[in-house]
Amino acid sequence: MAIQAHLVELERKHKVLENELHDALVHLSTDDLQIVELKRRKLMVKDEIERLRHTASETLH
């Protein structure tokens, strides 16, 4: 069940990054590099979530 706990934590991080990105996009003074970095981090977390889900589904079969 460690994978499930890790998935929950990654999903929480993804949501936090999504909120940070939204706030950055709303404020026009936000540096473009900061927005790119937030998008990159959010994508990395999403990719990790998908890898874990794939791994978890393989272990069930």
PDB file of N, CA and C in Angstrom:
ATOM      1  N   MET A   1       0.820  -1.207   0.000  1.00  0.00           N
ATOM      2  CA  MET A   1       0.000   0.000   0.000  1.00  0.00           C
ATOM      3  C   MET A   1       0.863   1.270   0.000  1.00  0.00           C
ATOM      4  N   ALA A   2       2.169   1.105   0.026  1.00  0.00           N
ATOM      5  CA  ALA A   2       3.066   2.259  -0.004  1.00  0.00           C
ATOM      6  C   ALA A   2       2.910   3.039  -1.305  1.00  0.00           C
ATOM      7  N   ILE A   3       2.641   2.327  -2.390  1.00  0.00           N
ATOM      8  CA  ILE A   3       2.452   3.004  -3.680  1.00  0.00           C
ATOM      9  C   ILE A   3       1.232   3.915  -3.609  1.00  0.00           C
ATOM     10  N   GLN A   4       0.166   3.440  -2.981  1.00  0.00           N
ATOM     11  CA  GLN A   4      -1.054   4.239  -2.870  1.00  0.00           C
ATOM     12  C   GLN A   4      -0.800   5.524  -2.073  1.00  0.00           C
ATOM     13  N   ALA A   5      -0.060   5.422  -0.985  1.00  0.00           N
ATOM     14  CA  ALA A   5       0.255   6.605  -0.180  1.00  0.00           C
ATOM     15  C   ALA A   5       1.105   7.586  -0.985  1.00  0.00           C
ATOM     16  N   HIS A   6       2.041   7.055  -1.749  1.00  0.00           N
ATOM     17  CA  HIS A   6       2.895   7.901  -2.588  1.00  0.00           C
ATOM     18  C   HIS A   6       2.053   8.585  -3.670  1.00  0.00           C
ATOM     19  N   LEU A   7       1.109   7.872  -4.242  1.00  0.00           N
ATOM     20  CA  LEU A   7       0.217   8.455  -5.247  1.00  0.00           C
ATOM     21  C   LEU A   7      -0.594   9.607  -4.659  1.00  0.00           C
ATOM     22  N   VAL A   8      -1.105   9.408  -3.459  1.00  0.00           N
ATOM     23  CA  VAL A   8      -1.893  10.462  -2.807  1.00  0.00           C
ATOM     24  C   VAL A   8      -1.041  11.707  -2.607  1.00  0.00           C
ATOM     25  N   GLU A   9       0.188  11.515  -2.157  1.00  0.00           N
ATOM     26  CA  GLU A   9       1.093  12.649  -1.938  1.00  0.00           C
ATOM     27  C   GLU A   9       1.428  13.344  -3.259  1.00  0.00           C
ATOM     28  N   LEU A  10       1.681  12.580  -4.311  1.00  0.00           N
ATOM     29  CA  LEU A  10       1.979  13.176  -5.617  1.00  0.00           C
ATOM     30  C   LEU A  10       0.779  13.942  -6.160  1.00  0.00           C
ATOM     31  N   GLU A  11      -0.412  13.399  -5.966  1.00  0.00           N
ATOM     32  CA  GLU A  11      -1.617  14.095  -6.424  1.00  0.00           C
ATOM     33  C   GLU A  11      -1.810  15.407  -5.667  1.00  0.00           C
ATOM     34  N   ARG A  12      -1.454  15.400  -4.378  1.00  0.00           N
ATOM     35  CA  ARG A  12      -1.532  16.622  -3.583  1.00  0.00           C
ATOM     36  C   ARG A  12      -0.527  17.654  -4.115  1.00  0.00           C
ATOM     37  N   LYS A  13       0.696  17.207  -4.396  1.00  0.00           N
ATOM     38  CA  LYS A  13       1.718  18.107  -4.934  1.00  0.00           C
ATOM     39  C   LYS A  13       1.294  18.667  -6.284  1.00  0.00           C
ATOM     40  N   HIS A  14       0.691  17.823  -7.112  1.00  0.00           N
ATOM     41  CA  HIS A  14       0.229  18.256  -8.428  1.00  0.00           C
ATOM     42  C   HIS A  14      -0.815  19.362  -8.290  1.00  0.00           C
ATOM     43  N   LYS A  15      -1.722  19.199  -7.338  1.00  0.00           N
ATOM     44  CA  LYS A  15      -2.777  20.197  -7.116  1.00  0.00           C
ATOM     45  C   LYS A  15      -2.170  21.512  -6.620  1.00  0.00           C
ATOM     46  N   VAL A  16      -1.182  21.427  -5.724  1.00  0.00           N
ATOM     47  CA  VAL A  16      -0.517  22.635  -5.220  1.00  0.00           C
ATOM     48  C   VAL A  16       0.170  23.368  -6.372  1.00  0.00           C
ATOM     49  N   LEU A  17       0.875  22.619  -7.217  1.00  0.00           N
ATOM     50  CA  LEU A  17       1.545  23.237  -8.369  1.00  0.00           C
ATOM     51  C   LEU A  17       0.532  23.850  -9.331  1.00  0.00           C
ATOM     52  N   GLU A  18      -0.598  23.169  -9.517  1.00  0.00           N
ATOM     53  CA  GLU A  18      -1.651  23.694 -10.388  1.00  0.00           C
ATOM     54  C   GLU A  18      -2.154  25.035  -9.854  1.00  0.00           C
ATOM     55  N   ASN A  19      -2.338  25.115  -8.548  1.00  0.00           N
ATOM     56  CA  ASN A  19      -2.799  26.367  -7.934  1.00  0.00           C
ATOM     57  C   ASN A  19      -1.739  27.463  -8.053  1.00  0.00           C
ATOM     58  N   GLU A  20      -0.473  27.107  -7.823  1.00  0.00           N
ATOM     59  CA  GLU A  20       0.612  28.083  -7.954  1.00  0.00           C
ATOM     60  C   GLU A  20       0.697  28.598  -9.387  1.00  0.00           C
ATOM     61  N   LEU A  21       0.556  27.695 -10.339  1.00  0.00           N
ATOM     62  CA  LEU A  21       0.609  28.088 -11.747  1.00  0.00           C
ATOM     63  C   LEU A  21      -0.546  29.020 -12.087  1.00  0.00           C
ATOM     64  N   HIS A  22      -1.719  28.690 -11.610  1.00  0.00           N
ATOM     65  CA  HIS A  22      -2.884  29.546 -11.861  1.00  0.00           C
ATOM     66  C   HIS A  22      -2.649  30.946 -11.296  1.00  0.00           C
ATOM     67  N   ASP A  23      -2.165  31.011 -10.065  1.00  0.00           N
ATOM     68  CA  ASP A  23      -1.884  32.313  -9.447  1.00  0.00           C
ATOM     69  C   ASP A  23      -0.831  33.082 -10.235  1.00  0.00           C
ATOM     70  N   ALA A  24       0.198  32.388 -10.704  1.00  0.00           N
ATOM     71  CA  ALA A  24       1.259  33.040 -11.473  1.00  0.00           C
ATOM     72  C   ALA A  24       0.722  33.585 -12.792  1.00  0.00           C
ATOM     73  N   LEU A  25      -0.168  32.846 -13.423  1.00  0.00           N
ATOM     74  CA  LEU A  25      -0.725  33.295 -14.699  1.00  0.00           C
ATOM     75  C   LEU A  25      -1.678  34.469 -14.526  1.00  0.00           C
ATOM     76  N   VAL A  26      -2.339  34.540 -13.382  1.00  0.00           N
ATOM     77  CA  VAL A  26      -3.271  35.642 -13.115  1.00  0.00           C
ATOM     78  C   VAL A  26      -2.505  36.949 -12.901  1.00  0.00           C
ATOM     79  N   HIS A  27      -1.351  36.858 -12.238  1.00  0.00           N
ATOM     80  CA  HIS A  27      -0.538  38.045 -11.977  1.00  0.00           C
ATOM     81  C   HIS A  27       0.400  38.286 -13.161  1.00  0.00           C
ATOM     82  N   LEU A  28       0.116  39.319 -13.886  1.00  0.00           N
ATOM     83  CA  LEU A  28       0.870  39.607 -15.107  1.00  0.00           C
ATOM     84  C   LEU A  28       2.337  39.915 -14.836  1.00  0.00           C
ATOM     85  N   SER A  29       2.658  40.249 -13.606  1.00  0.00           N
ATOM     86  CA  SER A  29       4.043  40.597 -13.284  1.00  0.00           C
ATOM     87  C   SER A  29       4.919  39.360 -13.063  1.00  0.00           C
ATOM     88  N   THR A  30       4.327  38.182 -13.092  1.00  0.00           N
ATOM     89  CA  THR A  30       5.092  36.956 -12.872  1.00  0.00           C
ATOM     90  C   THR A  30       6.081  36.731 -14.006  1.00  0.00           C
ATOM     91  N   ASP A  31       7.292  36.399 -13.639  1.00  0.00           N
ATOM     92  CA  ASP A  31       8.364  36.131 -14.582  1.00  0.00           C
ATOM     93  C   ASP A  31       8.017  34.910 -15.442  1.00  0.00           C
ATOM     94  N   ASP A  32       8.258  35.008 -16.736  1.00  0.00           N
ATOM     95  CA  ASP A  32       7.971  33.897 -17.646  1.00  0.00           C
ATOM     96  C   ASP A  32       8.755  32.641 -17.279  1.00  0.00           C
ATOM     97  N   LEU A  33       9.984  32.817 -16.800  1.00  0.00           N
ATOM     98  CA  LEU A  33      10.796  31.659 -16.406  1.00  0.00           C
ATOM     99  C   LEU A  33      10.178  30.925 -15.214  1.00  0.00           C
ATOM    100  N   GLN A  34       9.568  31.676 -14.323  1.00  0.00           N
ATOM    101  CA  GLN A  34       8.900  31.052 -13.174  1.00  0.00           C
ATOM    102  C   GLN A  34       7.710  30.222 -13.655  1.00  0.00           C
ATOM    103  N   ILE A  35       6.973  30.735 -14.610  1.00  0.00           N
ATOM    104  CA  ILE A  35       5.827  30.004 -15.158  1.00  0.00           C
ATOM    105  C   ILE A  35       6.297  28.732 -15.847  1.00  0.00           C
ATOM    106  N   VAL A  36       7.358  28.836 -16.624  1.00  0.00           N
ATOM    107  CA  VAL A  36       7.903  27.654 -17.306  1.00  0.00           C
ATOM    108  C   VAL A  36       8.344  26.611 -16.285  1.00  0.00           C
ATOM    109  N   GLU A  37       8.990  27.050 -15.216  1.00  0.00           N
ATOM    110  CA  GLU A  37       9.447  26.125 -14.172  1.00  0.00           C
ATOM    111  C   GLU A  37       8.270  25.443 -13.479  1.00  0.00           C
ATOM    112  N   LEU A  38       7.222  26.178 -13.184  1.00  0.00           N
ATOM    113  CA  LEU A  38       6.037  25.584 -12.565  1.00  0.00           C
ATOM    114  C   LEU A  38       5.405  24.544 -13.491  1.00  0.00           C
ATOM    115  N   LYS A  39       5.319  24.867 -14.767  1.00  0.00           N
ATOM    116  CA  LYS A  39       4.755  23.924 -15.732  1.00  0.00           C
ATOM    117  C   LYS A  39       5.606  22.661 -15.816  1.00  0.00           C
ATOM    118  N   ARG A  40       6.936  22.837 -15.805  1.00  0.00           N
ATOM    119  CA  ARG A  40       7.850  21.694 -15.876  1.00  0.00           C
ATOM    120  C   ARG A  40       7.698  20.805 -14.651  1.00  0.00           C
ATOM    121  N   ARG A  41       7.658  21.422 -13.464  1.00  0.00           N
ATOM    122  CA  ARG A  41       7.511  20.640 -12.233  1.00  0.00           C
ATOM    123  C   ARG A  41       6.167  19.913 -12.196  1.00  0.00           C
ATOM    124  N   LYS A  42       5.113  20.587 -12.641  1.00  0.00           N
ATOM    125  CA  LYS A  42       3.782  19.977 -12.662  1.00  0.00           C
ATOM    126  C   LYS A  42       3.767  18.773 -13.605  1.00  0.00           C
ATOM    127  N   LEU A  43       4.387  18.900 -14.764  1.00  0.00           N
ATOM    128  CA  LEU A  43       4.450  17.801 -15.720  1.00  0.00           C
ATOM    129  C   LEU A  43       5.258  16.624 -15.167  1.00  0.00           C
ATOM    130  N   MET A  44       6.352  16.927 -14.478  1.00  0.00           N
ATOM    131  CA  MET A  44       7.159  15.860 -13.890  1.00  0.00           C
ATOM    132  C   MET A  44       6.361  15.073 -12.848  1.00  0.00           C
ATOM    133  N   VAL A  45       5.580  15.779 -12.033  1.00  0.00           N
ATOM    134  CA  VAL A  45       4.755  15.108 -11.027  1.00  0.00           C
ATOM    135  C   VAL A  45       3.682  14.273 -11.721  1.00  0.00           C
ATOM    136  N   LYS A  46       3.070  14.825 -12.758  1.00  0.00           N
ATOM    137  CA  LYS A  46       2.043  14.084 -13.496  1.00  0.00           C
ATOM    138  C   LYS A  46       2.623  12.816 -14.112  1.00  0.00           C
ATOM    139  N   ASP A  47       3.819  12.918 -14.692  1.00  0.00           N
ATOM    140  CA  ASP A  47       4.474  11.746 -15.279  1.00  0.00           C
ATOM    141  C   ASP A  47       4.755  10.686 -14.220  1.00  0.00           C
ATOM    142  N   GLU A  48       5.193  11.116 -13.049  1.00  0.00           N
ATOM    143  CA  GLU A  48       5.467  10.172 -11.959  1.00  0.00           C
ATOM    144  C   GLU A  48       4.176   9.490 -11.492  1.00  0.00           C
ATOM    145  N   ILE A  49       3.088  10.242 -11.429  1.00  0.00           N
ATOM    146  CA  ILE A  49       1.789   9.662 -11.062  1.00  0.00           C
ATOM    147  C   ILE A  49       1.408   8.576 -12.062  1.00  0.00           C
ATOM    148  N   GLU A  50       1.552   8.870 -13.339  1.00  0.00           N
ATOM    149  CA  GLU A  50       1.203   7.892 -14.374  1.00  0.00           C
ATOM    150  C   GLU A  50       2.090   6.652 -14.294  1.00  0.00           C
ATOM    151  N   ARG A  51       3.386   6.832 -14.040  1.00  0.00           N
ATOM    152  CA  ARG A  51       4.291   5.677 -13.897  1.00  0.00           C
ATOM    153  C   ARG A  51       3.875   4.799 -12.719  1.00  0.00           C
ATOM    154  N   LEU A  52       3.559   5.439 -11.600  1.00  0.00           N
ATOM    155  CA  LEU A  52       3.152   4.663 -10.425  1.00  0.00           C
ATOM    156  C   LEU A  52       1.837   3.934 -10.667  1.00  0.00           C
ATOM    157  N   ARG A  53       0.905   4.600 -11.311  1.00  0.00           N
ATOM    158  CA  ARG A  53      -0.381   3.939 -11.608  1.00  0.00           C
ATOM    159  C   ARG A  53      -0.160   2.737 -12.523  1.00  0.00           C
ATOM    160  N   HIS A  54       0.711   2.894 -13.495  1.00  0.00           N
ATOM    161  CA  HIS A  54       1.019   1.797 -14.407  1.00  0.00           C
ATOM    162  C   HIS A  54       1.675   0.641 -13.648  1.00  0.00           C
ATOM    163  N   THR A  55       2.631   0.974 -12.792  1.00  0.00           N
ATOM    164  CA  THR A  55       3.310  -0.044 -11.979  1.00  0.00           C
ATOM    165  C   THR A  55       2.317  -0.746 -11.058  1.00  0.00           C
ATOM    166  N   ALA A  56       1.442   0.016 -10.443  1.00  0.00           N
ATOM    167  CA  ALA A  56       0.456  -0.573  -9.525  1.00  0.00           C
ATOM    168  C   ALA A  56      -0.497  -1.496 -10.268  1.00  0.00           C
ATOM    169  N   SER A  57      -0.905  -1.106 -11.467  1.00  0.00           N
ATOM    170  CA  SER A  57      -1.841  -1.948 -12.216  1.00  0.00           C
ATOM    171  C   SER A  57      -1.158  -3.230 -12.693  1.00  0.00           C
ATOM    172  N   GLU A  58       0.137  -3.156 -12.999  1.00  0.00           N
ATOM    173  CA  GLU A  58       0.872  -4.351 -13.407  1.00  0.00           C
ATOM    174  C   GLU A  58       1.030  -5.338 -12.257  1.00  0.00           C
ATOM    175  N   THR A  59       1.211  -4.833 -11.055  1.00  0.00           N
ATOM    176  CA  THR A  59       1.391  -5.726  -9.906  1.00  0.00           C
ATOM    177  C   THR A  59       0.079  -6.407  -9.520  1.00  0.00           C
ATOM    178  N   LEU A  60      -1.045  -5.812  -9.907  1.00  0.00           N
ATOM    179  CA  LEU A  60      -2.340  -6.431  -9.601  1.00  0.00           C
ATOM    180  C   LEU A  60      -2.678  -7.575 -10.558  1.00  0.00           C
ATOM    181  N   HIS A  61      -2.071  -7.591 -11.709  1.00  0.00           N
ATOM    182  CA  HIS A  61      -2.409  -8.610 -12.724  1.00  0.00           C
ATOM    183  C   HIS A  61      -1.459  -9.754 -12.692  1.00  0.00           C
TER     184      HIS A  61
END
